[in-house]
Amino acid sequence: MIRLAPSLLSADFGRIEHEIAAVEEAGADYLHVDVMDGNFVPSITWGPKIVEDLCKLTALPLDCHLMIAAPERSAGAFCDAGAALVTFHLEATAHAQGLLTELRARGTKAGVALCPQTPVSMLEDVIDDCDLVLVMSVNPGRSGQRFIPHAMEKLRQARALIDRRHPHCELEVDGGVGEANIHAVVQAGADVVVMGSAVFDGGDAGAALRRLRALL
């Protein structure tokens, strides 16, 4: 079953409890939480305290995407805050295998993300330790960007690697996905789809998520 993960980066935090309830009732599988540090990417968003508070508002698992430098310094704090899944960027650390092992030892699922210019071949040495691989289909750091077409081929390559080496690993896509291309990214191999603007920008997040689910 394809899992949908609305990205809270595009939600209205002035009414975040309502936004979460709407997508939860509409059948969201995860809530995607984009963590940015102003260093690895220019923007700054949230830390572990926000994750801890969000856990009080929902039973949905929080899928925390760390767009931060040196994630080995603070990833554990997101586990402690209640994240069900912590994904960090392969480009951000020289200690990816060790960090994956540490996160999983804490009982949290762990994944790695790839920026658009990072080849899938970089996953070869860590894929066996991943619960999830995230293919970025936009440049990380802000919502509302257009899907980068080459990401389709990266999804196919990642799907082939996962199926060959670690079939229980999930393949996630994030960036520029909406009604026009959700079916195509699933055909390319994604089984978790992150969507922000496509869900929250229309004013009725629940209805938007139901339409996207119906397309699948």
Protein backbone atom coordinates (compact mmCIF):
# COMPACT_ATOMS: atom_id res chain seq x y z
CA MET A 1 0.00 0.00 0.00
CA ILE A 2 1.29 3.46 -0.92
CA ARG A 3 1.80 5.63 2.15
CA LEU A 4 1.11 9.37 2.09
CA ALA A 5 3.07 11.76 4.29
CA PRO A 6 1.76 15.34 4.37
CA SER A 7 4.59 17.78 5.01
CA LEU A 8 3.87 20.15 7.88
CA LEU A 9 6.27 22.70 6.38
CA SER A 10 3.35 23.85 4.22
CA ALA A 11 0.73 23.74 6.97
CA ASP A 12 -0.64 26.77 8.80
CA PHE A 13 0.99 26.57 12.24
CA GLY A 14 -1.53 29.07 13.58
CA ARG A 15 -4.09 26.28 13.31
CA ILE A 16 -1.80 23.29 13.33
CA GLU A 17 -4.01 21.11 15.50
CA HIS A 18 -6.84 21.52 12.96
CA GLU A 19 -4.51 20.86 10.02
CA ILE A 20 -3.19 17.67 11.60
CA ALA A 21 -6.66 16.45 12.48
CA ALA A 22 -7.84 17.03 8.90
CA VAL A 23 -5.11 14.94 7.28
CA GLU A 24 -5.26 12.29 9.99
CA GLU A 25 -9.00 11.85 9.40
CA ALA A 26 -8.38 11.77 5.63
CA GLY A 27 -6.03 8.82 5.93
CA ALA A 28 -2.48 10.16 6.19
CA ASP A 29 0.06 7.48 7.05
CA TYR A 30 2.88 9.69 8.37
CA LEU A 31 3.38 13.35 9.21
CA HIS A 32 6.54 14.64 7.56
CA VAL A 33 8.50 17.12 9.68
CA ASP A 34 11.21 19.11 7.87
CA VAL A 35 14.01 20.13 10.23
CA MET A 36 16.32 22.83 8.83
CA ASP A 37 19.29 24.43 10.56
CA GLY A 38 20.21 27.46 8.45
CA ASN A 39 23.53 25.77 7.68
CA PHE A 40 23.04 22.65 5.57
CA VAL A 41 20.13 24.55 3.98
CA PRO A 42 19.46 28.31 4.23
CA SER A 43 16.14 28.08 6.06
CA ILE A 44 15.56 27.48 9.77
CA THR A 45 12.53 25.57 11.05
CA TRP A 46 12.06 23.45 14.18
CA GLY A 47 13.91 21.51 16.81
CA PRO A 48 13.12 18.56 19.07
CA LYS A 49 10.76 20.57 21.28
CA ILE A 50 8.33 21.07 18.37
CA VAL A 51 8.49 17.34 17.61
CA GLU A 52 7.72 16.56 21.24
CA ASP A 53 4.72 18.92 21.17
CA LEU A 54 3.44 17.55 17.85
CA CYS A 55 3.42 14.05 19.34
CA LYS A 56 0.78 15.27 21.79
CA LEU A 57 -1.55 16.19 18.91
CA THR A 58 -1.59 12.98 16.89
CA ALA A 59 -1.18 9.24 16.92
CA LEU A 60 0.38 9.35 13.45
CA PRO A 61 4.09 8.49 13.29
CA LEU A 62 6.33 11.53 12.80
CA ASP A 63 8.72 11.20 9.88
CA CYS A 64 11.51 13.67 10.74
CA HIS A 65 13.68 14.75 7.81
CA LEU A 66 16.88 16.33 9.16
CA MET A 67 18.28 18.86 6.71
CA ILE A 68 21.08 19.73 9.12
CA ALA A 69 24.86 19.64 9.17
CA ALA A 70 26.57 16.99 11.32
CA PRO A 71 23.32 15.15 12.16
CA GLU A 72 25.20 12.77 14.45
CA ARG A 73 25.33 15.61 17.01
CA SER A 74 21.57 15.99 17.44
CA ALA A 75 19.67 13.17 15.74
CA GLY A 76 19.30 11.35 19.05
CA ALA A 77 17.36 14.29 20.48
CA PHE A 78 14.67 13.77 17.86
CA CYS A 79 14.42 10.11 18.87
CA ASP A 80 13.99 11.19 22.47
CA ALA A 81 11.32 13.69 21.40
CA GLY A 82 9.20 10.93 19.89
CA ALA A 83 10.10 10.73 16.20
CA ALA A 84 9.11 7.37 14.71
CA LEU A 85 11.54 7.78 11.82
CA VAL A 86 14.64 9.97 11.54
CA THR A 87 16.13 10.59 8.11
CA PHE A 88 19.37 12.51 7.62
CA HIS A 89 21.29 13.53 4.51
CA LEU A 90 24.07 11.31 3.30
CA GLU A 91 25.88 14.46 2.15
CA ALA A 92 25.85 15.94 5.68
CA THR A 93 27.98 13.40 7.52
CA ALA A 94 30.96 11.11 7.14
CA HIS A 95 29.44 8.78 9.74
CA ALA A 96 26.24 7.61 8.04
CA GLN A 97 26.54 3.91 8.82
CA GLY A 98 27.32 4.55 12.46
CA LEU A 99 24.44 6.98 12.83
CA LEU A 100 21.97 4.58 11.21
CA THR A 101 23.10 1.88 13.63
CA GLU A 102 22.79 4.22 16.62
CA LEU A 103 19.28 5.39 15.70
CA ARG A 104 18.01 1.87 15.15
CA ALA A 105 19.52 0.76 18.46
CA ARG A 106 17.35 3.42 20.11
CA GLY A 107 14.26 1.79 18.60
CA THR A 108 13.72 4.50 15.99
CA LYS A 109 13.54 3.75 12.30
CA ALA A 110 16.40 5.39 10.40
CA GLY A 111 16.88 6.54 6.84
CA VAL A 112 19.12 8.49 4.52
CA ALA A 113 18.18 11.23 2.07
CA LEU A 114 19.84 12.08 -1.25
CA CYS A 115 20.01 15.58 -2.72
CA PRO A 116 19.20 15.83 -6.44
CA GLN A 117 22.87 15.76 -7.51
CA THR A 118 23.83 12.76 -5.33
CA PRO A 119 23.93 9.47 -7.26
CA VAL A 120 22.06 6.41 -6.04
CA SER A 121 25.36 4.50 -6.10
CA MET A 122 26.30 6.34 -2.88
CA LEU A 123 23.78 4.13 -1.07
CA GLU A 124 25.66 0.90 -1.76
CA ASP A 125 27.56 0.85 1.54
CA VAL A 126 24.64 1.81 3.80
CA ILE A 127 21.50 0.35 2.21
CA ASP A 128 21.50 -2.73 4.44
CA ASP A 129 21.21 -0.48 7.52
CA CYS A 130 18.39 1.73 6.19
CA ASP A 131 14.71 1.51 7.02
CA LEU A 132 14.02 4.20 4.42
CA VAL A 133 15.69 5.94 1.49
CA LEU A 134 14.47 9.43 0.62
CA VAL A 135 15.00 10.70 -2.92
CA MET A 136 14.74 14.48 -3.01
CA SER A 137 12.98 15.62 -6.17
CA VAL A 138 13.68 19.29 -5.41
CA ASN A 139 16.66 21.01 -3.83
CA PRO A 140 16.16 20.80 -0.06
CA GLY A 141 15.35 23.90 1.92
CA ARG A 142 11.97 25.30 0.92
CA SER A 143 8.50 24.19 -0.14
CA GLY A 144 6.66 24.95 -3.37
CA GLN A 145 9.43 24.02 -5.82
CA ARG A 146 8.93 22.22 -9.12
CA PHE A 147 9.69 18.52 -9.46
CA ILE A 148 13.12 17.83 -11.02
CA PRO A 149 12.47 15.36 -13.89
CA HIS A 150 15.70 13.39 -13.34
CA ALA A 151 14.32 12.25 -10.01
CA MET A 152 12.15 9.71 -11.84
CA GLU A 153 15.24 7.84 -12.99
CA LYS A 154 16.76 8.06 -9.51
CA LEU A 155 13.60 6.53 -8.06
CA ARG A 156 13.85 3.65 -10.53
CA GLN A 157 17.51 3.10 -9.66
CA ALA A 158 16.84 3.24 -5.93
CA ARG A 159 13.90 0.85 -6.29
CA ALA A 160 16.13 -1.65 -8.10
CA LEU A 161 18.82 -1.40 -5.41
CA ILE A 162 16.31 -1.83 -2.59
CA ASP A 163 14.61 -4.78 -4.23
CA ARG A 164 17.97 -6.45 -4.79
CA ARG A 165 19.58 -5.78 -1.42
CA HIS A 166 17.01 -4.85 1.24
CA PRO A 167 13.36 -5.32 0.20
CA HIS A 168 11.96 -4.21 3.56
CA CYS A 169 13.42 -0.72 3.13
CA GLU A 170 10.88 1.95 2.15
CA LEU A 171 11.47 4.34 -0.76
CA GLU A 172 10.24 7.88 -0.19
CA VAL A 173 10.04 10.82 -2.60
CA ASP A 174 9.84 14.45 -1.49
CA GLY A 175 9.39 17.62 -3.50
CA GLY A 176 7.07 18.91 -6.19
CA VAL A 177 4.66 15.97 -6.09
CA GLY A 178 0.96 16.60 -6.66
CA GLU A 179 -2.05 15.46 -8.64
CA ALA A 180 -0.23 15.76 -11.98
CA ASN A 181 2.62 13.39 -11.14
CA ILE A 182 1.76 11.31 -8.07
CA HIS A 183 0.90 8.30 -10.19
CA ALA A 184 4.17 8.59 -12.11
CA VAL A 185 6.38 8.65 -8.99
CA VAL A 186 4.60 5.59 -7.66
CA GLN A 187 5.12 3.81 -10.98
CA ALA A 188 8.81 4.75 -10.73
CA GLY A 189 9.03 2.92 -7.42
CA ALA A 190 8.11 5.24 -4.54
CA ASP A 191 6.04 3.69 -1.79
CA VAL A 192 6.02 6.74 0.52
CA VAL A 193 5.03 10.09 -1.01
CA VAL A 194 5.66 13.39 0.79
CA MET A 195 3.47 16.32 -0.27
CA GLY A 196 3.24 19.77 1.24
CA SER A 197 1.80 22.44 -1.04
CA ALA A 198 -0.39 19.90 -2.84
CA VAL A 199 -2.11 19.10 0.47
CA PHE A 200 -2.15 22.32 2.46
CA ASP A 201 -2.22 25.21 -0.01
CA GLY A 202 -5.84 24.81 -1.12
CA GLY A 203 -7.47 25.54 2.23
CA ASP A 204 -8.95 22.06 2.78
CA ALA A 205 -6.11 19.67 3.52
CA GLY A 206 -8.39 16.71 4.17
CA ALA A 207 -10.17 17.01 0.83
CA ALA A 208 -6.86 17.44 -1.00
CA LEU A 209 -5.40 14.32 0.58
CA ARG A 210 -8.50 12.30 -0.33
CA ARG A 211 -8.22 13.41 -3.97
CA LEU A 212 -4.56 12.40 -4.05
CA ARG A 213 -5.35 9.02 -2.50
CA ALA A 214 -8.13 8.47 -5.05
CA LEU A 215 -5.65 8.99 -7.90
CA LEU A 216 -3.76 5.94 -6.64
